[in-house]
Amino acid sequence: ARRAARRPLTVLADTPEQADDATPQLAAEEREAASAVRAAIADLPPDLREAIILFEYEQKSHAEIADIVSATPKAVETRLYRAREQLRKRLQRWLVT
């Protein structure tokens, strides 16, 4: 199945080794942001959390996720939309405008 083009997931440095090339201030901000993202994902309802992890981190398609969670692809799309909206609200501080 062909997957629609999308922006790549930006992974922030969350270990000192990953942030070696950054300034100490930037490295601290990146660790704080990464921690905020992990906490925001952990706080999502289980069905939304599962969908966003499978899609963003495990790179599964909507159809693959639907099979895994016993839902329709449209239900997966809805869960991803709701998860992103909740994450966007919770992580507003970290979004680049």
C-alpha atoms as a PDB file:
ATOM      1  CA  ALA A   1       0.000   0.000   0.000  1.00  0.00           C
ATOM      2  CA  ARG A   2       1.253   3.437  -0.876  1.00  0.00           C
ATOM      3  CA  ARG A   3       1.652   5.831   1.992  1.00  0.00           C
ATOM      4  CA  ALA A   4       0.902   9.522   1.597  1.00  0.00           C
ATOM      5  CA  ALA A   5       3.873  11.833   1.949  1.00  0.00           C
ATOM      6  CA  ARG A   6       4.134  13.424   5.355  1.00  0.00           C
ATOM      7  CA  ARG A   7       6.534  15.458   7.362  1.00  0.00           C
ATOM      8  CA  PRO A   8       9.140  13.356   9.103  1.00  0.00           C
ATOM      9  CA  LEU A   9       8.934  12.979  12.853  1.00  0.00           C
ATOM     10  CA  THR A  10      11.478  15.187  14.544  1.00  0.00           C
ATOM     11  CA  VAL A  11      13.206  13.369  17.340  1.00  0.00           C
ATOM     12  CA  LEU A  12      14.690  15.623  19.959  1.00  0.00           C
ATOM     13  CA  ALA A  13      17.891  14.753  21.768  1.00  0.00           C
ATOM     14  CA  ASP A  14      17.026  13.227  25.109  1.00  0.00           C
ATOM     15  CA  THR A  15      20.412  11.936  26.138  1.00  0.00           C
ATOM     16  CA  PRO A  16      23.616  13.897  26.706  1.00  0.00           C
ATOM     17  CA  GLU A  17      25.380  11.896  23.981  1.00  0.00           C
ATOM     18  CA  GLN A  18      22.799  12.979  21.388  1.00  0.00           C
ATOM     19  CA  ALA A  19      23.163  16.621  22.327  1.00  0.00           C
ATOM     20  CA  ASP A  20      26.977  16.788  22.435  1.00  0.00           C
ATOM     21  CA  ASP A  21      27.196  19.147  19.469  1.00  0.00           C
ATOM     22  CA  ALA A  22      24.583  21.538  20.867  1.00  0.00           C
ATOM     23  CA  THR A  23      25.127  24.323  23.329  1.00  0.00           C
ATOM     24  CA  PRO A  24      24.358  23.403  26.934  1.00  0.00           C
ATOM     25  CA  GLN A  25      21.274  25.657  26.898  1.00  0.00           C
ATOM     26  CA  LEU A  26      19.928  24.125  23.681  1.00  0.00           C
ATOM     27  CA  ALA A  27      20.665  20.622  24.918  1.00  0.00           C
ATOM     28  CA  ALA A  28      18.746  21.289  28.145  1.00  0.00           C
ATOM     29  CA  GLU A  29      15.799  22.717  26.198  1.00  0.00           C
ATOM     30  CA  GLU A  30      15.755  19.708  23.882  1.00  0.00           C
ATOM     31  CA  ARG A  31      15.788  17.289  26.826  1.00  0.00           C
ATOM     32  CA  GLU A  32      12.958  19.234  28.451  1.00  0.00           C
ATOM     33  CA  ALA A  33      10.943  19.218  25.224  1.00  0.00           C
ATOM     34  CA  ALA A  34      11.527  15.485  24.702  1.00  0.00           C
ATOM     35  CA  SER A  35      10.404  14.832  28.254  1.00  0.00           C
ATOM     36  CA  ALA A  36       7.267  16.940  27.686  1.00  0.00           C
ATOM     37  CA  VAL A  37       6.460  14.980  24.512  1.00  0.00           C
ATOM     38  CA  ARG A  38       6.871  11.642  26.302  1.00  0.00           C
ATOM     39  CA  ALA A  39       4.667  12.828  29.180  1.00  0.00           C
ATOM     40  CA  ALA A  40       2.011  14.179  26.797  1.00  0.00           C
ATOM     41  CA  ILE A  41       1.908  10.895  24.887  1.00  0.00           C
ATOM     42  CA  ALA A  42       1.716   8.928  28.148  1.00  0.00           C
ATOM     43  CA  ASP A  43      -1.268  11.045  29.226  1.00  0.00           C
ATOM     44  CA  LEU A  44      -3.282  10.311  26.077  1.00  0.00           C
ATOM     45  CA  PRO A  45      -6.212   7.898  26.396  1.00  0.00           C
ATOM     46  CA  PRO A  46      -5.003   4.354  25.625  1.00  0.00           C
ATOM     47  CA  ASP A  47      -6.646   4.093  22.178  1.00  0.00           C
ATOM     48  CA  LEU A  48      -5.166   7.417  21.034  1.00  0.00           C
ATOM     49  CA  ARG A  49      -1.761   6.657  22.538  1.00  0.00           C
ATOM     50  CA  GLU A  50      -1.613   3.287  20.796  1.00  0.00           C
ATOM     51  CA  ALA A  51      -2.522   4.785  17.416  1.00  0.00           C
ATOM     52  CA  ILE A  52      -0.002   7.626  17.602  1.00  0.00           C
ATOM     53  CA  ILE A  53       2.838   5.334  18.730  1.00  0.00           C
ATOM     54  CA  LEU A  54       2.137   2.795  16.000  1.00  0.00           C
ATOM     55  CA  PHE A  55       1.947   5.496  13.332  1.00  0.00           C
ATOM     56  CA  GLU A  56       4.701   7.906  14.329  1.00  0.00           C
ATOM     57  CA  TYR A  57       7.246   5.659  16.001  1.00  0.00           C
ATOM     58  CA  GLU A  58       6.653   2.263  14.427  1.00  0.00           C
ATOM     59  CA  GLN A  59       5.791   3.726  10.987  1.00  0.00           C
ATOM     60  CA  LYS A  60       2.683   1.562  10.526  1.00  0.00           C
ATOM     61  CA  SER A  61       0.085   2.473   7.897  1.00  0.00           C
ATOM     62  CA  HIS A  62      -3.540   3.217   8.776  1.00  0.00           C
ATOM     63  CA  ALA A  63      -4.515  -0.220   7.445  1.00  0.00           C
ATOM     64  CA  GLU A  64      -1.811  -1.968   9.490  1.00  0.00           C
ATOM     65  CA  ILE A  65      -2.873  -0.127  12.639  1.00  0.00           C
ATOM     66  CA  ALA A  66      -6.514  -0.981  11.935  1.00  0.00           C
ATOM     67  CA  ASP A  67      -5.593  -4.680  11.817  1.00  0.00           C
ATOM     68  CA  ILE A  68      -3.558  -4.441  15.027  1.00  0.00           C
ATOM     69  CA  VAL A  69      -6.226  -2.621  17.049  1.00  0.00           C
ATOM     70  CA  SER A  70      -9.264  -4.284  15.420  1.00  0.00           C
ATOM     71  CA  ALA A  71     -10.692  -1.042  14.064  1.00  0.00           C
ATOM     72  CA  THR A  72     -11.434   0.417  10.659  1.00  0.00           C
ATOM     73  CA  PRO A  73      -8.859   2.579   8.862  1.00  0.00           C
ATOM     74  CA  LYS A  74     -11.274   5.516   9.234  1.00  0.00           C
ATOM     75  CA  ALA A  75     -11.394   4.958  13.008  1.00  0.00           C
ATOM     76  CA  VAL A  76      -7.594   4.980  13.021  1.00  0.00           C
ATOM     77  CA  GLU A  77      -7.590   8.298  11.125  1.00  0.00           C
ATOM     78  CA  THR A  78      -9.974   9.738  13.711  1.00  0.00           C
ATOM     79  CA  ARG A  79      -7.840   8.500  16.601  1.00  0.00           C
ATOM     80  CA  LEU A  80      -4.713   9.995  15.040  1.00  0.00           C
ATOM     81  CA  TYR A  81      -6.479  13.316  14.487  1.00  0.00           C
ATOM     82  CA  ARG A  82      -7.690  13.421  18.091  1.00  0.00           C
ATOM     83  CA  ALA A  83      -4.295  12.390  19.442  1.00  0.00           C
ATOM     84  CA  ARG A  84      -2.546  15.117  17.440  1.00  0.00           C
ATOM     85  CA  GLU A  85      -5.058  17.732  18.576  1.00  0.00           C
ATOM     86  CA  GLN A  86      -4.551  16.795  22.227  1.00  0.00           C
ATOM     87  CA  LEU A  87      -0.775  16.773  21.812  1.00  0.00           C
ATOM     88  CA  ARG A  88      -0.865  20.124  19.994  1.00  0.00           C
ATOM     89  CA  LYS A  89      -2.818  21.701  22.877  1.00  0.00           C
ATOM     90  CA  ARG A  90      -0.614  20.177  25.544  1.00  0.00           C
ATOM     91  CA  LEU A  91       2.661  20.981  23.768  1.00  0.00           C
ATOM     92  CA  GLN A  92       1.745  24.477  22.535  1.00  0.00           C
ATOM     93  CA  ARG A  93       4.780  25.907  24.300  1.00  0.00           C
ATOM     94  CA  TRP A  94       7.136  23.769  22.221  1.00  0.00           C
ATOM     95  CA  LEU A  95       5.568  24.385  18.804  1.00  0.00           C
ATOM     96  CA  VAL A  96       7.466  26.605  16.425  1.00  0.00           C
ATOM     97  CA  THR A  97       5.215  29.240  14.907  1.00  0.00           C
END
